[in-house]
Amino acid sequence: MISRNLLIVIVDALIAMVLLWSGVRALVQDRSAIVRAFPRMELSAVLRGLLVLPFALTALFVAVAFVLDRQGDVSVRAAQAVFLLGWWGAAVIMVFSIFVGLRSPASVPASAVIGLLFALPPLILFTSTARFAEMFSVDGYDRPVIIGLALAAMSYTVIRRLERAKPAG
C-alpha cells in the first residue's frame, strides 16, 4: 500500500505527462509556429538545448546539495536527482511551448501553462534533500525513481516528436 502523499505525487506526474503531450501536440500540428519563434536559429540546436538543460539543472542541483550537505546518503541523492531530472525535463518543455506561443502568432497552449503549474510544486517542494527523504522514505526510493524515469522518458519522446516538426528543406 502506498501513502497518500505518494499517491498525490503519482497523480500529479500523470496529469503533467498528459498536459505535456497535449501542449506539444498543438505545436507539432502547427509547425510554422516553431519556425517563426526561432527564425534565426537552427531548430535542431534548440531541441538539443531542451535535451541538455534538464541534465545541467539537475547536475547543478546535485553539486550544490553535495557541497551543502556532505554527510547525506548517496542513494537518497541519486533517487532525488533522477526524480528532479524528470520534473525538470517536463518543466523545460512546457516553458518552451509557452515561449513558442508568445513569440509566434499561435496562441500559448493552455495545457502547457496548466502543466507547468503541475510541474513546479514538486520541483520546489523536493529540492530539499531532507524533505525528499522525509516524504519518500516511507514508501521507498524506488517509486520516485520510477516517476522521474517516466517523466524523463516522456520528455525525450516529446522532443523526438518535435524534431519531426522540422520543415522540409
C-alpha atoms as a PDB file:
ATOM      1  CA  MET A   1       0.000   0.000   0.000  1.00  0.00           C
ATOM      2  CA  ILE A   2       1.267   3.456  -0.862  1.00  0.00           C
ATOM      3  CA  SER A   3       0.982   6.566   1.244  1.00  0.00           C
ATOM      4  CA  ARG A   4      -1.453   9.328   0.424  1.00  0.00           C
ATOM      5  CA  ASN A   5       1.405  11.762  -0.315  1.00  0.00           C
ATOM      6  CA  LEU A   6       2.986   9.403  -2.819  1.00  0.00           C
ATOM      7  CA  LEU A   7      -0.389   8.917  -4.493  1.00  0.00           C
ATOM      8  CA  ILE A   8      -0.689  12.688  -4.867  1.00  0.00           C
ATOM      9  CA  VAL A   9       2.762  12.862  -6.478  1.00  0.00           C
ATOM     10  CA  ILE A  10       1.910   9.991  -8.856  1.00  0.00           C
ATOM     11  CA  VAL A  11      -1.365  11.630  -9.913  1.00  0.00           C
ATOM     12  CA  ASP A  12       0.468  14.954 -10.338  1.00  0.00           C
ATOM     13  CA  ALA A  13       3.033  13.253 -12.592  1.00  0.00           C
ATOM     14  CA  LEU A  14       0.344  11.577 -14.697  1.00  0.00           C
ATOM     15  CA  ILE A  15      -1.532  14.856 -15.158  1.00  0.00           C
ATOM     16  CA  ALA A  16       1.725  16.635 -16.038  1.00  0.00           C
ATOM     17  CA  MET A  17       2.521  13.984 -18.668  1.00  0.00           C
ATOM     18  CA  VAL A  18      -0.894  14.322 -20.299  1.00  0.00           C
ATOM     19  CA  LEU A  19      -0.638  18.119 -20.322  1.00  0.00           C
ATOM     20  CA  LEU A  20       2.926  17.967 -21.642  1.00  0.00           C
ATOM     21  CA  TRP A  21       1.851  15.795 -24.552  1.00  0.00           C
ATOM     22  CA  SER A  22      -1.194  17.967 -25.228  1.00  0.00           C
ATOM     23  CA  GLY A  23       0.811  21.201 -25.308  1.00  0.00           C
ATOM     24  CA  VAL A  24       3.427  19.849 -27.672  1.00  0.00           C
ATOM     25  CA  ARG A  25       0.864  18.166 -29.907  1.00  0.00           C
ATOM     26  CA  ALA A  26      -0.556  21.607 -30.654  1.00  0.00           C
ATOM     27  CA  LEU A  27       2.930  22.822 -31.624  1.00  0.00           C
ATOM     28  CA  VAL A  28       3.609  19.835 -33.855  1.00  0.00           C
ATOM     29  CA  GLN A  29       0.313  20.355 -35.671  1.00  0.00           C
ATOM     30  CA  ASP A  30       1.215  23.992 -36.368  1.00  0.00           C
ATOM     31  CA  ARG A  31       4.811  23.594 -37.483  1.00  0.00           C
ATOM     32  CA  SER A  32       5.086  27.186 -38.622  1.00  0.00           C
ATOM     33  CA  ALA A  33       4.769  28.448 -35.036  1.00  0.00           C
ATOM     34  CA  ILE A  34       8.056  26.816 -34.025  1.00  0.00           C
ATOM     35  CA  VAL A  35       9.858  28.139 -37.095  1.00  0.00           C
ATOM     36  CA  ARG A  36       8.509  31.674 -36.538  1.00  0.00           C
ATOM     37  CA  ALA A  37       9.501  31.595 -32.882  1.00  0.00           C
ATOM     38  CA  PHE A  38      13.134  30.826 -33.781  1.00  0.00           C
ATOM     39  CA  PRO A  39      13.701  32.489 -37.171  1.00  0.00           C
ATOM     40  CA  ARG A  40      17.486  32.781 -36.906  1.00  0.00           C
ATOM     41  CA  MET A  41      18.220  29.581 -35.039  1.00  0.00           C
ATOM     42  CA  GLU A  42      18.511  26.038 -36.259  1.00  0.00           C
ATOM     43  CA  LEU A  43      15.663  24.089 -34.711  1.00  0.00           C
ATOM     44  CA  SER A  44      17.904  21.097 -34.043  1.00  0.00           C
ATOM     45  CA  ALA A  45      20.140  23.317 -31.867  1.00  0.00           C
ATOM     46  CA  VAL A  46      17.127  24.477 -29.874  1.00  0.00           C
ATOM     47  CA  LEU A  47      15.975  20.881 -29.380  1.00  0.00           C
ATOM     48  CA  ARG A  48      19.470  19.810 -28.294  1.00  0.00           C
ATOM     49  CA  GLY A  49      19.274  22.592 -25.725  1.00  0.00           C
ATOM     50  CA  LEU A  50      15.990  21.159 -24.493  1.00  0.00           C
ATOM     51  CA  LEU A  51      17.723  17.819 -24.003  1.00  0.00           C
ATOM     52  CA  VAL A  52      20.755  19.273 -22.225  1.00  0.00           C
ATOM     53  CA  LEU A  53      19.081  21.857 -19.970  1.00  0.00           C
ATOM     54  CA  PRO A  54      17.361  19.400 -17.576  1.00  0.00           C
ATOM     55  CA  PHE A  55      20.634  17.465 -17.157  1.00  0.00           C
ATOM     56  CA  ALA A  56      22.512  20.707 -16.492  1.00  0.00           C
ATOM     57  CA  LEU A  57      19.954  21.891 -13.934  1.00  0.00           C
ATOM     58  CA  THR A  58      19.987  18.524 -12.174  1.00  0.00           C
ATOM     59  CA  ALA A  59      23.804  18.377 -12.166  1.00  0.00           C
ATOM     60  CA  LEU A  60      23.912  21.880 -10.712  1.00  0.00           C
ATOM     61  CA  PHE A  61      21.439  20.864  -8.017  1.00  0.00           C
ATOM     62  CA  VAL A  62      23.402  17.717  -7.131  1.00  0.00           C
ATOM     63  CA  ALA A  63      26.662  19.669  -6.947  1.00  0.00           C
ATOM     64  CA  VAL A  64      25.177  22.354  -4.685  1.00  0.00           C
ATOM     65  CA  ALA A  65      23.480  19.747  -2.484  1.00  0.00           C
ATOM     66  CA  PHE A  66      26.758  17.851  -2.137  1.00  0.00           C
ATOM     67  CA  VAL A  67      28.653  20.991  -1.121  1.00  0.00           C
ATOM     68  CA  LEU A  68      25.993  21.973   1.416  1.00  0.00           C
ATOM     69  CA  ASP A  69      25.484  18.513   2.926  1.00  0.00           C
ATOM     70  CA  ARG A  70      28.465  16.177   2.571  1.00  0.00           C
ATOM     71  CA  GLN A  71      27.085  13.750   5.148  1.00  0.00           C
ATOM     72  CA  GLY A  72      23.910  12.890   3.178  1.00  0.00           C
ATOM     73  CA  ASP A  73      23.007   9.427   1.927  1.00  0.00           C
ATOM     74  CA  VAL A  74      24.146   8.839  -1.652  1.00  0.00           C
ATOM     75  CA  SER A  75      21.162   6.629  -2.517  1.00  0.00           C
ATOM     76  CA  VAL A  76      18.748   9.364  -1.430  1.00  0.00           C
ATOM     77  CA  ARG A  77      20.600  11.926  -3.533  1.00  0.00           C
ATOM     78  CA  ALA A  78      20.682   9.627  -6.559  1.00  0.00           C
ATOM     79  CA  ALA A  79      16.940   8.958  -6.293  1.00  0.00           C
ATOM     80  CA  GLN A  80      16.291  12.653  -5.842  1.00  0.00           C
ATOM     81  CA  ALA A  81      18.438  13.522  -8.869  1.00  0.00           C
ATOM     82  CA  VAL A  82      16.504  11.109 -11.115  1.00  0.00           C
ATOM     83  CA  PHE A  83      13.199  12.387  -9.720  1.00  0.00           C
ATOM     84  CA  LEU A  84      14.134  16.027 -10.324  1.00  0.00           C
ATOM     85  CA  LEU A  85      15.587  15.249 -13.762  1.00  0.00           C
ATOM     86  CA  GLY A  86      12.188  14.035 -14.910  1.00  0.00           C
ATOM     87  CA  TRP A  87      10.391  17.050 -13.488  1.00  0.00           C
ATOM     88  CA  TRP A  88      12.960  19.474 -14.953  1.00  0.00           C
ATOM     89  CA  GLY A  89      12.557  17.820 -18.351  1.00  0.00           C
ATOM     90  CA  ALA A  90       8.795  18.273 -18.270  1.00  0.00           C
ATOM     91  CA  ALA A  91       9.023  21.857 -16.982  1.00  0.00           C
ATOM     92  CA  VAL A  92      11.593  22.906 -19.594  1.00  0.00           C
ATOM     93  CA  ILE A  93       9.473  21.576 -22.451  1.00  0.00           C
ATOM     94  CA  MET A  94       6.352  23.292 -21.108  1.00  0.00           C
ATOM     95  CA  VAL A  95       8.233  26.587 -20.821  1.00  0.00           C
ATOM     96  CA  PHE A  96       9.418  26.034 -24.405  1.00  0.00           C
ATOM     97  CA  SER A  97       5.794  25.555 -25.536  1.00  0.00           C
ATOM     98  CA  ILE A  98       4.764  28.743 -23.758  1.00  0.00           C
ATOM     99  CA  PHE A  99       7.739  30.614 -25.232  1.00  0.00           C
ATOM    100  CA  VAL A 100       6.872  29.488 -28.759  1.00  0.00           C
ATOM    101  CA  GLY A 101       3.302  30.626 -28.236  1.00  0.00           C
ATOM    102  CA  LEU A 102       4.459  34.038 -27.038  1.00  0.00           C
ATOM    103  CA  ARG A 103       6.934  34.544 -29.905  1.00  0.00           C
ATOM    104  CA  SER A 104       4.696  33.439 -32.756  1.00  0.00           C
ATOM    105  CA  PRO A 105       1.184  34.266 -33.926  1.00  0.00           C
ATOM    106  CA  ALA A 106      -0.014  30.958 -32.475  1.00  0.00           C
ATOM    107  CA  SER A 107      -1.664  31.086 -29.099  1.00  0.00           C
ATOM    108  CA  VAL A 108       0.021  29.869 -25.951  1.00  0.00           C
ATOM    109  CA  PRO A 109      -1.164  26.308 -25.304  1.00  0.00           C
ATOM    110  CA  ALA A 110      -3.304  26.401 -22.153  1.00  0.00           C
ATOM    111  CA  SER A 111      -2.244  22.830 -21.422  1.00  0.00           C
ATOM    112  CA  ALA A 112       1.399  23.938 -21.229  1.00  0.00           C
ATOM    113  CA  VAL A 113       0.569  26.688 -18.740  1.00  0.00           C
ATOM    114  CA  ILE A 114      -1.537  24.349 -16.589  1.00  0.00           C
ATOM    115  CA  GLY A 115       1.093  21.604 -16.927  1.00  0.00           C
ATOM    116  CA  LEU A 116       3.782  23.984 -15.718  1.00  0.00           C
ATOM    117  CA  LEU A 117       1.637  24.722 -12.688  1.00  0.00           C
ATOM    118  CA  PHE A 118       1.560  20.978 -12.002  1.00  0.00           C
ATOM    119  CA  ALA A 119       5.330  20.594 -12.547  1.00  0.00           C
ATOM    120  CA  LEU A 120       6.568  23.455 -10.375  1.00  0.00           C
ATOM    121  CA  PRO A 121       5.336  22.268  -6.941  1.00  0.00           C
ATOM    122  CA  PRO A 122       7.378  19.023  -6.971  1.00  0.00           C
ATOM    123  CA  LEU A 123      10.439  20.966  -8.147  1.00  0.00           C
ATOM    124  CA  ILE A 124      10.030  23.457  -5.337  1.00  0.00           C
ATOM    125  CA  LEU A 125       8.962  21.036  -2.606  1.00  0.00           C
ATOM    126  CA  PHE A 126      11.532  18.318  -3.210  1.00  0.00           C
ATOM    127  CA  THR A 127      14.617  20.424  -3.870  1.00  0.00           C
ATOM    128  CA  SER A 128      15.443  19.975  -0.204  1.00  0.00           C
ATOM    129  CA  THR A 129      17.102  16.601   0.323  1.00  0.00           C
ATOM    130  CA  ALA A 130      15.680  16.405   3.841  1.00  0.00           C
ATOM    131  CA  ARG A 131      12.126  16.959   2.621  1.00  0.00           C
ATOM    132  CA  PHE A 132      12.606  14.451  -0.197  1.00  0.00           C
ATOM    133  CA  ALA A 133      13.920  11.840   2.250  1.00  0.00           C
ATOM    134  CA  GLU A 134      11.096  12.525   4.703  1.00  0.00           C
ATOM    135  CA  MET A 135       8.452  12.187   2.002  1.00  0.00           C
ATOM    136  CA  PHE A 136       9.698   9.096   0.210  1.00  0.00           C
ATOM    137  CA  SER A 137      11.449   7.123   2.952  1.00  0.00           C
ATOM    138  CA  VAL A 138       8.081   5.659   3.986  1.00  0.00           C
ATOM    139  CA  ASP A 139       7.394   4.051   0.589  1.00  0.00           C
ATOM    140  CA  GLY A 140      10.959   3.562  -0.588  1.00  0.00           C
ATOM    141  CA  TYR A 141      13.090   5.459  -3.064  1.00  0.00           C
ATOM    142  CA  ASP A 142      12.290   3.208  -5.992  1.00  0.00           C
ATOM    143  CA  ARG A 143       8.947   4.942  -6.575  1.00  0.00           C
ATOM    144  CA  PRO A 144      10.333   8.469  -7.077  1.00  0.00           C
ATOM    145  CA  VAL A 145      12.970   6.964  -9.370  1.00  0.00           C
ATOM    146  CA  ILE A 146      10.201   5.368 -11.443  1.00  0.00           C
ATOM    147  CA  ILE A 147       8.297   8.675 -11.541  1.00  0.00           C
ATOM    148  CA  GLY A 148      11.447  10.535 -12.605  1.00  0.00           C
ATOM    149  CA  LEU A 149      12.303   7.983 -15.287  1.00  0.00           C
ATOM    150  CA  ALA A 150       8.740   8.060 -16.628  1.00  0.00           C
ATOM    151  CA  LEU A 151       8.789  11.861 -16.867  1.00  0.00           C
ATOM    152  CA  ALA A 152      12.262  11.838 -18.438  1.00  0.00           C
ATOM    153  CA  ALA A 153      11.163   9.218 -20.997  1.00  0.00           C
ATOM    154  CA  MET A 154       8.057  11.248 -21.797  1.00  0.00           C
ATOM    155  CA  SER A 155      10.144  14.401 -22.182  1.00  0.00           C
ATOM    156  CA  TYR A 156      12.547  12.619 -24.527  1.00  0.00           C
ATOM    157  CA  THR A 157       9.635  11.246 -26.548  1.00  0.00           C
ATOM    158  CA  VAL A 158       8.137  14.717 -26.836  1.00  0.00           C
ATOM    159  CA  ILE A 159      11.436  16.192 -28.018  1.00  0.00           C
ATOM    160  CA  ARG A 160      11.743  13.429 -30.632  1.00  0.00           C
ATOM    161  CA  ARG A 161       8.223  14.316 -31.763  1.00  0.00           C
ATOM    162  CA  LEU A 162       9.223  17.987 -32.030  1.00  0.00           C
ATOM    163  CA  GLU A 163      12.193  17.001 -34.208  1.00  0.00           C
ATOM    164  CA  ARG A 164       9.719  15.647 -36.758  1.00  0.00           C
ATOM    165  CA  ALA A 165       8.100  19.077 -36.824  1.00  0.00           C
ATOM    166  CA  LYS A 166      11.099  20.500 -38.690  1.00  0.00           C
ATOM    167  CA  PRO A 167      10.081  21.927 -42.038  1.00  0.00           C
ATOM    168  CA  ALA A 168      11.354  20.106 -45.114  1.00  0.00           C
ATOM    169  CA  GLY A 169      14.176  21.685 -46.983  1.00  0.00           C
END
